[in-house]
N, C-alpha and C. Protein backbone atom coordinates (compact mmCIF):
# COMPACT_ATOMS: atom_id res chain seq x y z
N MET A 1 -11.65 7.15 22.99
CA MET A 1 -11.68 8.59 23.69
C MET A 1 -10.58 9.41 22.52
N ASN A 2 -11.20 10.66 22.32
CA ASN A 2 -10.52 11.35 21.48
C ASN A 2 -9.30 12.02 22.26
N ILE A 3 -8.04 11.77 22.01
CA ILE A 3 -6.85 12.27 22.71
C ILE A 3 -6.67 13.33 22.14
N PHE A 4 -7.14 14.02 20.91
CA PHE A 4 -6.30 15.12 20.27
C PHE A 4 -7.31 16.29 20.77
N PHE A 5 -8.36 16.30 20.94
CA PHE A 5 -9.43 17.42 21.12
C PHE A 5 -10.22 17.31 22.03
N ASP A 6 -10.43 18.00 23.24
CA ASP A 6 -11.14 18.05 24.22
C ASP A 6 -12.45 18.97 24.00
N MET A 7 -13.34 18.25 23.04
CA MET A 7 -14.61 19.26 22.66
C MET A 7 -15.66 18.16 22.66
N LYS A 8 -16.93 18.78 23.05
CA LYS A 8 -18.08 17.98 22.90
C LYS A 8 -18.59 18.03 21.63
N LYS A 9 -19.00 16.98 20.98
CA LYS A 9 -19.31 16.82 19.48
C LYS A 9 -20.88 16.58 19.54
N PRO A 10 -21.61 16.89 18.78
CA PRO A 10 -23.10 16.61 18.51
C PRO A 10 -23.18 15.07 18.10
N SER A 11 -24.24 14.55 18.44
CA SER A 11 -24.63 13.35 18.23
C SER A 11 -25.18 13.31 16.84
N ILE A 12 -25.42 12.25 16.20
CA ILE A 12 -25.95 12.23 14.76
C ILE A 12 -27.24 12.66 14.86
N ASP A 13 -28.26 12.42 15.78
CA ASP A 13 -29.34 12.93 16.00
C ASP A 13 -29.75 14.25 16.15
N GLU A 14 -28.49 14.99 16.87
CA GLU A 14 -28.60 16.48 17.03
C GLU A 14 -28.23 17.04 15.62
N LEU A 15 -27.19 16.35 14.79
CA LEU A 15 -27.07 16.82 13.61
C LEU A 15 -28.04 16.98 12.51
N HIS A 16 -28.89 16.18 12.58
CA HIS A 16 -30.09 15.98 11.78
C HIS A 16 -31.44 16.81 12.31
N ASN A 17 -31.06 17.59 13.52
CA ASN A 17 -32.26 18.47 14.00
C ASN A 17 -32.13 19.79 13.40
N PRO A 18 -32.92 20.09 12.50
CA PRO A 18 -33.01 21.28 11.73
C PRO A 18 -32.98 22.56 12.49
N ASN A 19 -33.18 22.64 13.79
CA ASN A 19 -33.16 23.86 14.48
C ASN A 19 -31.73 24.14 14.98
N ASN A 20 -30.84 23.14 14.75
CA ASN A 20 -29.37 23.34 15.34
C ASN A 20 -28.32 23.38 14.20
N PHE A 21 -28.74 22.46 13.31
CA PHE A 21 -27.67 22.25 12.19
C PHE A 21 -28.19 22.26 10.77
N SER A 22 -27.51 22.81 9.71
CA SER A 22 -28.03 22.71 8.52
C SER A 22 -27.07 21.84 7.74
N LEU A 23 -27.81 20.76 6.91
CA LEU A 23 -27.22 19.87 6.01
C LEU A 23 -26.51 20.43 4.91
N ILE A 24 -25.00 20.55 4.94
CA ILE A 24 -24.53 21.25 3.76
C ILE A 24 -24.08 20.46 2.42
N GLU A 25 -23.68 19.04 2.80
CA GLU A 25 -23.29 18.14 1.85
C GLU A 25 -23.79 16.83 2.26
N SER A 26 -24.32 16.05 1.36
CA SER A 26 -24.71 14.66 1.49
C SER A 26 -24.60 13.98 0.01
N PHE A 27 -23.81 12.69 0.01
CA PHE A 27 -23.65 12.09 -1.20
C PHE A 27 -23.33 10.74 -0.70
N ARG A 28 -23.63 9.75 -1.81
CA ARG A 28 -23.18 8.40 -1.73
C ARG A 28 -21.92 8.36 -2.11
N ILE A 29 -21.38 7.08 -1.27
CA ILE A 29 -19.84 7.08 -1.30
C ILE A 29 -19.37 6.87 -2.92
N GLU A 30 -20.26 6.26 -3.56
CA GLU A 30 -19.74 6.12 -5.09
C GLU A 30 -19.54 7.57 -5.76
N GLU A 31 -20.34 8.53 -5.21
CA GLU A 31 -20.56 9.86 -5.96
C GLU A 31 -19.36 10.71 -5.33
N MET A 32 -18.57 10.28 -4.32
CA MET A 32 -17.66 11.21 -3.58
C MET A 32 -16.72 11.90 -4.63
N MET A 33 -16.35 11.16 -5.86
CA MET A 33 -15.41 11.60 -6.58
C MET A 33 -16.06 12.96 -7.15
N LYS A 34 -17.37 13.14 -7.47
CA LYS A 34 -17.88 14.36 -7.94
C LYS A 34 -17.76 15.59 -6.98
N PHE A 35 -17.95 15.14 -5.65
CA PHE A 35 -17.46 16.05 -4.68
C PHE A 35 -16.43 16.75 -4.65
N LEU A 36 -15.33 15.70 -4.92
CA LEU A 36 -13.88 15.94 -4.74
C LEU A 36 -13.53 16.99 -6.15
N MET A 37 -14.08 16.56 -7.31
CA MET A 37 -13.78 17.36 -8.49
C MET A 37 -14.40 18.61 -8.46
N ARG A 38 -15.57 18.96 -7.79
CA ARG A 38 -16.25 20.08 -7.54
C ARG A 38 -15.53 20.93 -6.79
N GLU A 39 -14.93 20.41 -5.68
CA GLU A 39 -13.94 21.21 -4.81
C GLU A 39 -13.00 21.46 -5.60
N LEU A 40 -12.48 20.89 -6.39
CA LEU A 40 -11.14 21.14 -6.77
C LEU A 40 -11.47 22.17 -8.25
N GLY A 41 -12.53 22.32 -8.37
CA GLY A 41 -12.94 23.39 -9.58
C GLY A 41 -13.22 22.74 -10.87
N VAL A 42 -13.04 21.47 -10.92
CA VAL A 42 -13.39 20.77 -12.02
C VAL A 42 -14.78 20.57 -12.79
N ASN A 43 -15.50 20.23 -11.64
CA ASN A 43 -16.84 20.09 -12.01
C ASN A 43 -17.88 20.74 -11.17
N PRO A 44 -17.78 22.04 -10.90
CA PRO A 44 -18.74 22.67 -10.01
C PRO A 44 -20.24 23.01 -10.39
N ASN A 45 -20.91 21.64 -10.00
CA ASN A 45 -22.19 21.70 -10.57
C ASN A 45 -23.28 21.80 -9.44
N SER A 46 -22.64 22.27 -8.25
CA SER A 46 -23.60 22.42 -6.94
C SER A 46 -23.81 23.82 -6.80
N SER A 47 -25.12 24.02 -6.41
CA SER A 47 -25.49 25.38 -6.00
C SER A 47 -24.81 26.03 -4.71
N ASN A 48 -24.26 25.10 -4.21
CA ASN A 48 -23.55 25.48 -2.85
C ASN A 48 -21.91 25.84 -3.23
N GLN A 49 -21.51 25.51 -4.35
CA GLN A 49 -20.29 25.76 -4.65
C GLN A 49 -20.33 27.29 -5.55
N THR A 50 -19.51 28.43 -5.18
CA THR A 50 -19.49 29.54 -5.54
C THR A 50 -18.45 29.55 -6.72
N LYS A 51 -18.61 30.37 -7.91
CA LYS A 51 -17.76 30.21 -9.03
C LYS A 51 -16.60 30.66 -8.59
N LYS A 52 -15.38 30.40 -9.13
CA LYS A 52 -14.10 30.97 -8.85
C LYS A 52 -13.74 31.92 -9.77
N PRO A 53 -13.02 32.94 -9.44
CA PRO A 53 -12.74 34.07 -10.53
C PRO A 53 -11.81 33.43 -11.53
N LEU A 54 -11.68 33.85 -12.93
CA LEU A 54 -10.90 33.34 -13.91
C LEU A 54 -9.53 33.46 -13.50
N ALA A 55 -9.06 34.28 -12.84
CA ALA A 55 -7.86 34.72 -12.50
C ALA A 55 -7.29 33.54 -11.70
N GLN A 56 -8.22 33.04 -10.65
CA GLN A 56 -7.80 31.94 -9.73
C GLN A 56 -7.60 30.83 -10.43
N LYS A 57 -8.50 30.44 -11.38
CA LYS A 57 -8.55 29.14 -12.00
C LYS A 57 -7.14 29.06 -12.98
N ILE A 58 -6.87 30.45 -13.55
CA ILE A 58 -5.75 30.04 -14.33
C ILE A 58 -4.60 29.98 -13.44
N PHE A 59 -4.57 30.70 -12.45
CA PHE A 59 -3.45 30.55 -11.55
C PHE A 59 -3.10 29.13 -11.00
N PHE A 60 -4.44 28.26 -10.82
CA PHE A 60 -4.51 26.75 -10.43
C PHE A 60 -3.70 26.16 -11.49
N VAL A 61 -4.12 26.35 -12.84
CA VAL A 61 -3.80 25.61 -13.94
C VAL A 61 -2.20 25.47 -14.06
N VAL A 62 -1.77 27.01 -13.86
CA VAL A 62 -0.52 27.18 -14.14
C VAL A 62 0.33 26.49 -13.07
N LEU A 63 -0.28 26.58 -11.78
CA LEU A 63 0.51 25.95 -10.82
C LEU A 63 0.74 24.63 -10.99
N LEU A 64 -0.26 23.80 -11.50
CA LEU A 64 -0.12 22.45 -11.74
C LEU A 64 0.79 22.16 -12.65
N PHE A 65 0.75 22.89 -14.02
CA PHE A 65 1.82 22.65 -14.84
C PHE A 65 3.28 22.92 -14.22
N ILE A 66 3.49 23.80 -13.39
CA ILE A 66 4.65 24.07 -12.69
C ILE A 66 5.24 22.98 -11.97
N ALA A 67 4.27 22.32 -11.19
CA ALA A 67 4.48 21.42 -10.24
C ALA A 67 4.75 19.95 -11.14
N GLY A 68 4.00 19.77 -12.02
CA GLY A 68 4.15 18.73 -13.04
C GLY A 68 5.64 18.65 -13.57
N GLY A 69 5.88 19.98 -14.01
CA GLY A 69 7.20 20.13 -14.87
C GLY A 69 8.42 19.87 -13.97
N ALA A 70 8.19 20.42 -12.67
CA ALA A 70 9.10 20.13 -11.62
C ALA A 70 9.35 18.65 -11.40
N PHE A 71 8.16 17.84 -11.09
CA PHE A 71 8.46 16.60 -10.71
C PHE A 71 9.04 15.71 -12.07
N GLY A 72 8.77 16.22 -13.30
CA GLY A 72 9.18 15.52 -14.29
C GLY A 72 10.75 15.78 -14.44
N TYR A 73 11.25 17.06 -14.19
CA TYR A 73 12.51 17.42 -14.31
C TYR A 73 13.43 16.61 -13.36
N VAL A 74 12.78 16.58 -12.29
CA VAL A 74 13.73 15.57 -11.10
C VAL A 74 13.45 14.40 -11.46
N ILE A 75 12.31 13.62 -12.00
CA ILE A 75 12.62 12.26 -12.14
C ILE A 75 13.59 11.96 -13.41
N GLY A 76 13.70 12.94 -14.42
CA GLY A 76 14.60 12.80 -15.48
C GLY A 76 15.93 12.99 -14.92
N LYS A 77 16.29 13.90 -14.31
CA LYS A 77 17.56 14.12 -13.70
C LYS A 77 18.18 12.98 -12.90
N GLN A 78 17.37 12.56 -12.07
CA GLN A 78 17.55 11.59 -11.15
C GLN A 78 17.93 10.05 -12.13
N ILE A 79 17.09 9.81 -13.09
CA ILE A 79 17.32 8.58 -14.05
C ILE A 79 18.65 8.89 -14.81
N GLY A 80 19.00 10.09 -15.25
CA GLY A 80 20.19 10.53 -15.78
C GLY A 80 21.38 10.11 -14.93
N GLN A 81 21.24 10.46 -13.86
CA GLN A 81 22.50 10.38 -12.92
C GLN A 81 22.54 9.20 -12.43
N ALA A 82 21.47 8.26 -12.13
CA ALA A 82 21.62 7.19 -11.36
C ALA A 82 22.23 5.89 -12.55
N LYS A 83 21.80 6.10 -13.87
CA LYS A 83 22.21 5.25 -14.74
C LYS A 83 21.54 3.89 -14.38
N VAL A 84 20.35 3.96 -14.10
CA VAL A 84 19.74 2.46 -13.71
C VAL A 84 18.56 2.17 -14.62
N ASP A 85 18.25 1.03 -14.98
CA ASP A 85 17.35 0.69 -15.80
C ASP A 85 15.97 1.02 -15.46
N VAL A 86 15.02 1.05 -16.63
CA VAL A 86 13.64 1.43 -16.45
C VAL A 86 12.87 0.71 -15.44
N TRP A 87 13.53 -0.40 -15.13
CA TRP A 87 12.51 -1.55 -14.28
C TRP A 87 12.21 -0.86 -12.99
N GLN A 88 13.19 0.06 -12.47
CA GLN A 88 12.84 0.79 -11.17
C GLN A 88 11.67 1.77 -11.27
N ILE A 89 11.34 2.53 -12.45
CA ILE A 89 10.19 3.33 -12.74
C ILE A 89 9.00 2.10 -12.61
N ALA A 90 9.17 1.11 -13.35
CA ALA A 90 8.03 0.20 -13.83
C ALA A 90 7.64 -0.54 -12.21
N ALA A 91 8.60 -0.68 -11.47
CA ALA A 91 8.42 -1.24 -10.22
C ALA A 91 7.73 -0.42 -9.29
N ALA A 92 7.65 0.78 -9.50
CA ALA A 92 7.02 1.68 -8.46
C ALA A 92 5.55 1.45 -8.69
N PHE A 93 4.81 1.14 -9.61
CA PHE A 93 3.51 0.97 -9.81
C PHE A 93 2.72 -0.47 -8.84
N PRO A 94 3.52 -1.37 -8.83
CA PRO A 94 3.20 -2.59 -7.94
C PRO A 94 3.34 -2.24 -6.64
N VAL A 95 4.69 -1.68 -6.27
CA VAL A 95 4.90 -1.12 -5.05
C VAL A 95 3.82 -0.15 -4.47
N LEU A 96 3.43 0.56 -5.27
CA LEU A 96 2.29 1.69 -4.93
C LEU A 96 0.91 0.94 -4.69
N ILE A 97 0.61 -0.08 -5.52
CA ILE A 97 -0.72 -0.62 -5.13
C ILE A 97 -0.74 -1.83 -4.39
N PHE A 98 0.37 -2.60 -4.10
CA PHE A 98 0.16 -3.82 -3.50
C PHE A 98 0.88 -3.40 -2.08
N ILE A 99 1.61 -2.55 -1.88
CA ILE A 99 2.23 -2.05 -0.72
C ILE A 99 1.74 -0.84 0.05
N LEU A 100 1.92 0.07 -0.41
CA LEU A 100 1.72 1.67 -0.06
C LEU A 100 0.13 1.73 0.08
N LEU A 101 -0.65 1.30 -0.83
CA LEU A 101 -2.05 1.67 -0.80
C LEU A 101 -2.66 0.74 0.54
N PRO A 102 -2.43 -0.40 0.65
CA PRO A 102 -2.99 -0.99 2.10
C PRO A 102 -2.39 -0.13 3.08
N ILE A 103 -1.24 0.25 3.39
CA ILE A 103 -0.58 1.12 4.39
C ILE A 103 -1.37 2.36 4.48
N HIS A 104 -1.34 3.08 3.30
CA HIS A 104 -2.15 4.24 3.20
C HIS A 104 -3.59 4.10 4.06
N GLU A 105 -4.45 3.31 3.52
CA GLU A 105 -5.69 3.06 3.95
C GLU A 105 -5.65 2.72 5.42
N GLY A 106 -4.60 1.86 5.78
CA GLY A 106 -4.31 1.63 7.14
C GLY A 106 -4.20 2.59 8.25
N ILE A 107 -3.24 3.63 7.75
CA ILE A 107 -3.04 4.77 8.30
C ILE A 107 -4.30 5.63 8.82
N HIS A 108 -5.08 5.92 7.72
CA HIS A 108 -6.50 6.24 7.64
C HIS A 108 -7.18 5.81 8.87
N GLY A 109 -7.43 4.23 8.63
CA GLY A 109 -8.03 3.59 9.72
C GLY A 109 -7.41 3.89 11.20
N LEU A 110 -6.23 3.76 11.33
CA LEU A 110 -5.50 3.93 12.83
C LEU A 110 -5.85 5.16 13.28
N VAL A 111 -5.94 6.32 12.36
CA VAL A 111 -6.15 7.62 12.89
C VAL A 111 -7.64 7.78 13.34
N PHE A 112 -8.38 7.08 12.70
CA PHE A 112 -9.94 7.00 12.91
C PHE A 112 -9.94 6.52 14.48
N LYS A 113 -9.21 5.33 14.52
CA LYS A 113 -9.46 4.78 16.06
C LYS A 113 -8.91 5.52 17.10
N ILE A 114 -7.68 6.16 16.84
CA ILE A 114 -6.94 7.07 17.74
C ILE A 114 -7.93 8.31 18.10
N LEU A 115 -8.78 8.52 17.06
CA LEU A 115 -9.70 9.95 17.57
C LEU A 115 -11.06 9.50 18.31
N GLY A 116 -11.09 7.87 18.16
CA GLY A 116 -12.17 7.53 19.08
C GLY A 116 -13.31 6.65 18.49
N ALA A 117 -13.01 6.39 17.36
CA ALA A 117 -14.01 5.71 16.19
C ALA A 117 -14.32 4.40 16.69
N GLU A 118 -15.55 3.87 16.86
CA GLU A 118 -15.52 2.41 17.39
C GLU A 118 -15.53 1.17 16.45
N LYS A 119 -15.69 1.64 15.32
CA LYS A 119 -16.04 0.79 13.92
C LYS A 119 -15.30 1.43 12.78
N VAL A 120 -14.36 0.68 12.24
CA VAL A 120 -13.50 1.40 11.10
C VAL A 120 -13.65 0.35 10.05
N GLY A 121 -13.87 0.80 8.89
CA GLY A 121 -14.02 -0.28 7.55
C GLY A 121 -13.41 0.21 6.37
N PHE A 122 -13.45 -0.63 5.44
CA PHE A 122 -12.47 -0.13 4.33
C PHE A 122 -13.18 -0.99 2.96
N GLY A 123 -13.32 -0.25 1.83
CA GLY A 123 -13.98 -0.49 0.70
C GLY A 123 -13.49 0.27 -0.58
N TRP A 124 -14.14 -0.06 -1.47
CA TRP A 124 -13.79 0.61 -2.80
C TRP A 124 -15.08 0.75 -3.90
N THR A 125 -14.97 1.60 -4.64
CA THR A 125 -16.02 1.91 -5.58
C THR A 125 -15.67 1.53 -6.96
N PRO A 126 -16.42 0.63 -7.55
CA PRO A 126 -15.89 -0.04 -8.85
C PRO A 126 -16.18 1.32 -9.78
N LYS A 127 -17.13 2.14 -9.68
CA LYS A 127 -17.79 3.32 -10.41
C LYS A 127 -16.43 4.29 -10.88
N SER A 128 -15.58 4.58 -9.66
CA SER A 128 -14.66 5.58 -9.71
C SER A 128 -13.37 5.02 -9.50
N LEU A 129 -13.31 3.38 -9.02
CA LEU A 129 -11.98 2.82 -8.70
C LEU A 129 -11.45 3.65 -7.60
N MET A 130 -11.88 3.97 -6.66
CA MET A 130 -11.65 4.79 -5.56
C MET A 130 -11.55 3.53 -4.20
N VAL A 131 -10.67 3.66 -3.68
CA VAL A 131 -10.28 2.93 -2.19
C VAL A 131 -10.42 3.95 -1.21
N TYR A 132 -11.07 3.53 -0.11
CA TYR A 132 -11.45 4.32 1.00
C TYR A 132 -11.47 3.57 2.19
N ALA A 133 -11.26 4.24 3.42
CA ALA A 133 -11.45 3.86 4.73
C ALA A 133 -12.36 4.80 5.47
N TYR A 134 -13.30 4.04 6.20
CA TYR A 134 -14.35 4.87 6.77
C TYR A 134 -14.58 4.56 8.36
N ALA A 135 -14.99 5.68 9.21
CA ALA A 135 -15.46 5.17 10.38
C ALA A 135 -17.04 5.24 10.51
N GLN A 136 -17.61 4.14 10.85
CA GLN A 136 -19.04 4.02 10.62
C GLN A 136 -19.82 4.92 11.71
N LYS A 137 -20.63 5.87 10.98
CA LYS A 137 -21.32 6.61 12.28
C LYS A 137 -20.57 7.34 13.39
N PHE A 138 -19.25 7.60 12.83
CA PHE A 138 -18.55 8.43 13.74
C PHE A 138 -18.29 10.02 13.47
N VAL A 139 -18.86 11.01 14.49
CA VAL A 139 -18.92 12.28 14.01
C VAL A 139 -17.64 12.80 14.20
N MET A 140 -17.20 13.62 13.28
CA MET A 140 -15.87 14.56 13.30
C MET A 140 -15.98 15.79 12.94
N SER A 141 -15.13 16.76 13.55
CA SER A 141 -15.05 18.11 13.17
C SER A 141 -14.17 17.99 11.78
N LEU A 142 -14.52 19.11 11.01
CA LEU A 142 -13.54 19.15 9.88
C LEU A 142 -12.11 19.01 10.25
N LYS A 143 -11.87 19.57 11.30
CA LYS A 143 -10.20 19.57 11.52
C LYS A 143 -9.81 18.26 11.72
N GLU A 144 -10.68 17.24 12.58
CA GLU A 144 -10.25 15.97 12.67
C GLU A 144 -10.30 15.27 11.21
N ASN A 145 -11.23 15.74 10.49
CA ASN A 145 -11.31 15.06 9.18
C ASN A 145 -10.15 15.31 8.32
N ALA A 146 -9.63 16.45 8.55
CA ALA A 146 -8.22 16.95 7.68
C ALA A 146 -7.06 16.16 8.40
N ILE A 147 -7.23 15.95 9.66
CA ILE A 147 -6.00 15.22 10.28
C ILE A 147 -6.24 13.66 9.70
N VAL A 148 -7.36 13.14 9.76
CA VAL A 148 -7.22 11.65 9.10
C VAL A 148 -6.62 11.91 7.74
N ALA A 149 -7.07 12.77 6.96
CA ALA A 149 -6.82 13.03 5.58
C ALA A 149 -5.25 13.02 5.16
N VAL A 150 -4.48 13.93 6.02
CA VAL A 150 -3.12 14.12 5.96
C VAL A 150 -2.10 13.31 6.46
N MET A 151 -2.47 12.33 7.26
CA MET A 151 -1.43 11.65 7.92
C MET A 151 -0.83 10.51 7.05
N PRO A 152 -1.57 9.78 6.23
CA PRO A 152 -0.86 8.94 5.37
C PRO A 152 0.18 9.59 4.49
N PHE A 153 -0.17 10.67 3.92
CA PHE A 153 0.79 11.52 3.13
C PHE A 153 2.08 11.73 3.83
N LEU A 154 1.74 12.30 5.29
CA LEU A 154 2.98 12.74 6.00
C LEU A 154 4.05 11.52 6.36
N VAL A 155 3.20 10.37 6.66
CA VAL A 155 4.00 9.08 7.41
C VAL A 155 4.58 8.51 5.98
N ILE A 156 4.02 8.23 5.22
CA ILE A 156 4.60 7.55 3.84
C ILE A 156 5.69 8.44 3.13
N SER A 157 5.53 9.73 2.94
CA SER A 157 6.53 10.68 2.47
C SER A 157 7.71 10.48 3.37
N LEU A 158 7.60 10.68 4.47
CA LEU A 158 8.67 10.75 5.37
C LEU A 158 9.50 9.36 5.28
N GLY A 159 8.85 8.25 5.69
CA GLY A 159 9.26 6.83 5.29
C GLY A 159 10.20 6.74 3.81
N LEU A 160 9.70 7.16 2.82
CA LEU A 160 10.32 7.40 1.57
C LEU A 160 11.58 7.86 1.40
N ILE A 161 11.40 9.14 2.29
CA ILE A 161 12.68 10.06 2.30
C ILE A 161 13.51 9.53 3.04
N ILE A 162 13.42 9.02 4.05
CA ILE A 162 14.34 8.06 4.84
C ILE A 162 14.82 6.99 4.20
N ALA A 163 14.10 6.31 3.13
CA ALA A 163 14.46 5.22 2.49
C ALA A 163 15.41 5.67 1.39
N LEU A 164 15.10 6.90 0.71
CA LEU A 164 16.08 7.46 -0.02
C LEU A 164 17.33 7.81 0.38
N VAL A 165 17.78 8.22 1.76
CA VAL A 165 18.94 8.22 2.39
C VAL A 165 19.59 7.12 2.64
N PHE A 166 19.08 6.19 3.11
CA PHE A 166 19.75 5.07 3.40
C PHE A 166 19.93 3.79 2.27
N ILE A 167 18.94 3.94 1.31
CA ILE A 167 19.17 3.02 -0.10
C ILE A 167 19.19 3.70 -1.31
N PRO A 168 20.36 4.62 -1.34
CA PRO A 168 20.25 5.59 -2.62
C PRO A 168 20.34 4.82 -4.03
N SER A 169 20.71 3.64 -4.00
CA SER A 169 20.74 3.02 -5.42
C SER A 169 19.53 2.67 -5.80
N TYR A 170 18.39 2.78 -5.03
CA TYR A 170 17.10 2.60 -5.59
C TYR A 170 16.29 4.04 -5.60
N LYS A 171 17.00 5.07 -5.60
CA LYS A 171 16.31 6.32 -5.69
C LYS A 171 15.47 6.62 -6.73
N VAL A 172 15.65 5.98 -8.02
CA VAL A 172 14.58 6.47 -9.14
C VAL A 172 13.34 5.56 -8.69
N LEU A 173 13.44 4.37 -7.92
CA LEU A 173 12.12 3.53 -7.57
C LEU A 173 11.31 4.54 -6.63
N ILE A 174 12.23 4.92 -5.69
CA ILE A 174 11.65 5.76 -4.32
C ILE A 174 11.00 6.99 -4.82
N ILE A 175 11.94 7.63 -5.71
CA ILE A 175 11.48 8.88 -6.00
C ILE A 175 10.15 9.06 -6.76
N THR A 176 10.10 7.86 -7.77
CA THR A 176 8.85 7.76 -8.69
C THR A 176 7.63 7.15 -7.87
N THR A 177 8.00 6.25 -6.91
CA THR A 177 6.86 5.88 -5.88
C THR A 177 6.43 7.19 -5.01
N LEU A 178 7.36 8.00 -4.80
CA LEU A 178 6.67 9.24 -3.74
C LEU A 178 5.99 10.13 -4.66
N ILE A 179 6.41 10.29 -6.04
CA ILE A 179 5.65 11.26 -6.91
C ILE A 179 4.35 10.56 -7.23
N LEU A 180 4.05 9.35 -7.46
CA LEU A 180 2.96 8.61 -7.61
C LEU A 180 1.98 8.80 -6.31
N HIS A 181 2.64 8.36 -5.22
CA HIS A 181 1.65 8.49 -3.96
C HIS A 181 1.25 9.68 -3.69
N THR A 182 2.17 10.74 -4.02
CA THR A 182 1.71 12.20 -3.85
C THR A 182 0.49 12.45 -4.57
N TYR A 183 0.61 12.18 -6.02
CA TYR A 183 -0.49 12.24 -7.02
C TYR A 183 -1.86 11.50 -6.14
N GLY A 184 -1.58 10.22 -5.97
CA GLY A 184 -2.82 9.41 -5.26
C GLY A 184 -3.36 10.19 -4.15
N CYS A 185 -2.71 11.16 -3.63
CA CYS A 185 -3.14 11.82 -2.17
C CYS A 185 -4.12 13.08 -2.65
N LEU A 186 -4.34 13.23 -3.92
CA LEU A 186 -5.06 14.55 -4.43
C LEU A 186 -6.44 14.53 -3.69
N GLY A 187 -7.34 13.43 -3.48
CA GLY A 187 -8.43 13.43 -2.71
C GLY A 187 -8.47 13.73 -1.18
N ASP A 188 -7.26 13.45 -0.69
CA ASP A 188 -7.01 13.80 0.66
C ASP A 188 -6.74 15.09 0.78
N PHE A 189 -5.81 15.87 -0.40
CA PHE A 189 -5.43 17.14 -0.11
C PHE A 189 -6.62 18.11 -0.39
N ILE A 190 -7.56 17.60 -1.14
CA ILE A 190 -9.10 18.30 -1.30
C ILE A 190 -9.66 18.51 -0.13
N LEU A 191 -9.83 17.25 0.69
CA LEU A 191 -10.47 17.41 1.79
C LEU A 191 -9.85 18.20 3.08
N ILE A 192 -8.48 18.59 2.81
CA ILE A 192 -7.71 19.31 3.62
C ILE A 192 -8.01 20.75 3.33
N ARG A 193 -8.20 21.02 1.91
CA ARG A 193 -8.49 22.15 1.53
C ARG A 193 -9.90 22.75 2.02
N TYR A 194 -10.95 21.68 1.93
CA TYR A 194 -12.28 21.85 2.46
C TYR A 194 -12.26 22.61 3.67
N TYR A 195 -11.44 21.86 4.55
CA TYR A 195 -11.28 22.29 5.85
C TYR A 195 -10.95 23.74 6.12
N ILE A 196 -9.79 23.99 5.39
CA ILE A 196 -9.07 25.29 5.51
C ILE A 196 -10.08 26.32 4.89
N LYS A 197 -10.96 25.99 3.89
CA LYS A 197 -11.99 27.17 3.59
C LYS A 197 -13.08 27.24 4.40
N ASN A 198 -13.39 26.29 5.04
CA ASN A 198 -14.50 26.47 6.06
C ASN A 198 -14.20 26.38 7.58
N ARG A 199 -12.76 26.74 7.80
CA ARG A 199 -12.15 26.83 9.17
C ARG A 199 -13.10 27.61 9.94
N HIS A 200 -13.60 28.77 9.53
CA HIS A 200 -14.34 29.75 10.53
C HIS A 200 -15.49 29.37 10.65
N LYS A 201 -16.16 28.20 10.15
CA LYS A 201 -17.55 27.41 10.36
C LYS A 201 -17.23 26.41 11.59
N GLU A 202 -18.45 26.12 12.13
CA GLU A 202 -18.54 24.96 13.01
C GLU A 202 -19.31 23.91 12.17
N MET A 203 -18.34 23.24 11.36
CA MET A 203 -18.82 22.09 10.76
C MET A 203 -18.37 20.71 11.22
N PHE A 204 -19.44 19.54 11.01
CA PHE A 204 -19.10 18.18 11.47
C PHE A 204 -19.50 17.46 10.25
N THR A 205 -19.04 16.02 10.26
CA THR A 205 -19.11 15.08 9.17
C THR A 205 -19.09 13.87 9.85
N TYR A 206 -19.75 13.13 9.20
CA TYR A 206 -19.98 11.54 9.28
C TYR A 206 -20.15 10.61 8.34
N ASP A 207 -19.85 9.52 8.33
CA ASP A 207 -20.31 8.35 7.29
C ASP A 207 -21.13 7.27 7.92
N ASP A 208 -21.92 7.20 6.98
CA ASP A 208 -22.86 5.81 7.16
C ASP A 208 -22.62 4.91 6.03
N ILE A 209 -21.74 4.12 5.85
CA ILE A 209 -21.31 3.23 4.85
C ILE A 209 -22.22 2.08 4.99
N ASP A 210 -22.24 1.41 5.96
CA ASP A 210 -22.76 0.06 6.22
C ASP A 210 -24.43 0.04 5.96
N GLU A 211 -25.02 1.17 6.11
CA GLU A 211 -26.40 1.13 6.21
C GLU A 211 -27.16 1.90 5.09
N GLU A 212 -26.48 2.92 4.78
CA GLU A 212 -27.07 3.93 3.75
C GLU A 212 -25.87 4.09 2.75
N GLY A 213 -24.73 3.92 3.02
CA GLY A 213 -23.78 4.24 1.91
C GLY A 213 -23.74 5.73 1.66
N MET A 214 -23.80 6.77 2.62
CA MET A 214 -23.62 7.94 2.41
C MET A 214 -22.67 8.74 3.50
N SER A 215 -22.25 9.92 2.97
CA SER A 215 -21.52 10.67 3.85
C SER A 215 -22.24 12.11 4.04
N TYR A 216 -21.93 12.72 5.29
CA TYR A 216 -22.99 13.77 5.45
C TYR A 216 -21.90 15.02 6.00
N PHE A 217 -22.25 16.30 5.55
CA PHE A 217 -21.60 17.08 6.23
C PHE A 217 -22.71 18.27 6.84
N PHE A 218 -22.56 18.75 7.91
CA PHE A 218 -23.33 19.73 8.58
C PHE A 218 -22.48 20.75 9.04
N GLU A 219 -23.46 21.90 9.14
CA GLU A 219 -22.87 23.27 9.97
C GLU A 219 -23.77 23.69 10.70
N LYS A 220 -23.22 24.27 12.18
CA LYS A 220 -24.00 24.77 13.09
C LYS A 220 -24.59 26.00 12.83
N ASP A 221 -25.99 25.97 13.13
CA ASP A 221 -26.67 27.38 12.55
C ASP A 221 -26.41 28.62 13.62
């Protein structure tokens, strides 16, 4: 049972009824990176994607440079102050891959379950080296999809900040891991942005990974 939203959602059959809903997006799971990059504005190759104004693109690039510069400054400053060996920076990569990545996807899966999904699965695409969690044939609103997307970032970031307070001797390791994980959440951030962009619409999404390997997005007519 969905404990967060008291709303009646359409069935998959109702979503595929052209009299009620329009199919907005559909792609194979291994092509999800193309969808994410298109929404980011890197590869806007779909007729559904309107071109962004040049000023908006420039602002986004400048914002990325500022954010990257800020992250680099913080890391450099912390390394200089802490006087720790470079091993802490190197250790952040295995911590991210072998510890935080399973936790990240597990949080996605847990939120799927809390929202009411019966079957949750995990996978990865060799084509884009993307790891993902999915809820098989579970219809969600875009708002629910955004909640699933944001929770790993919130939980893991909070955990790392708490760790920074209690074990400051490892602050370079923790800060580096926090930055790497934040960068790894880019796809989740894009899904959140997709919800914000379409929040005025009544849209739903579901995955059929086990049978078709597809993701679908629909809009109510």
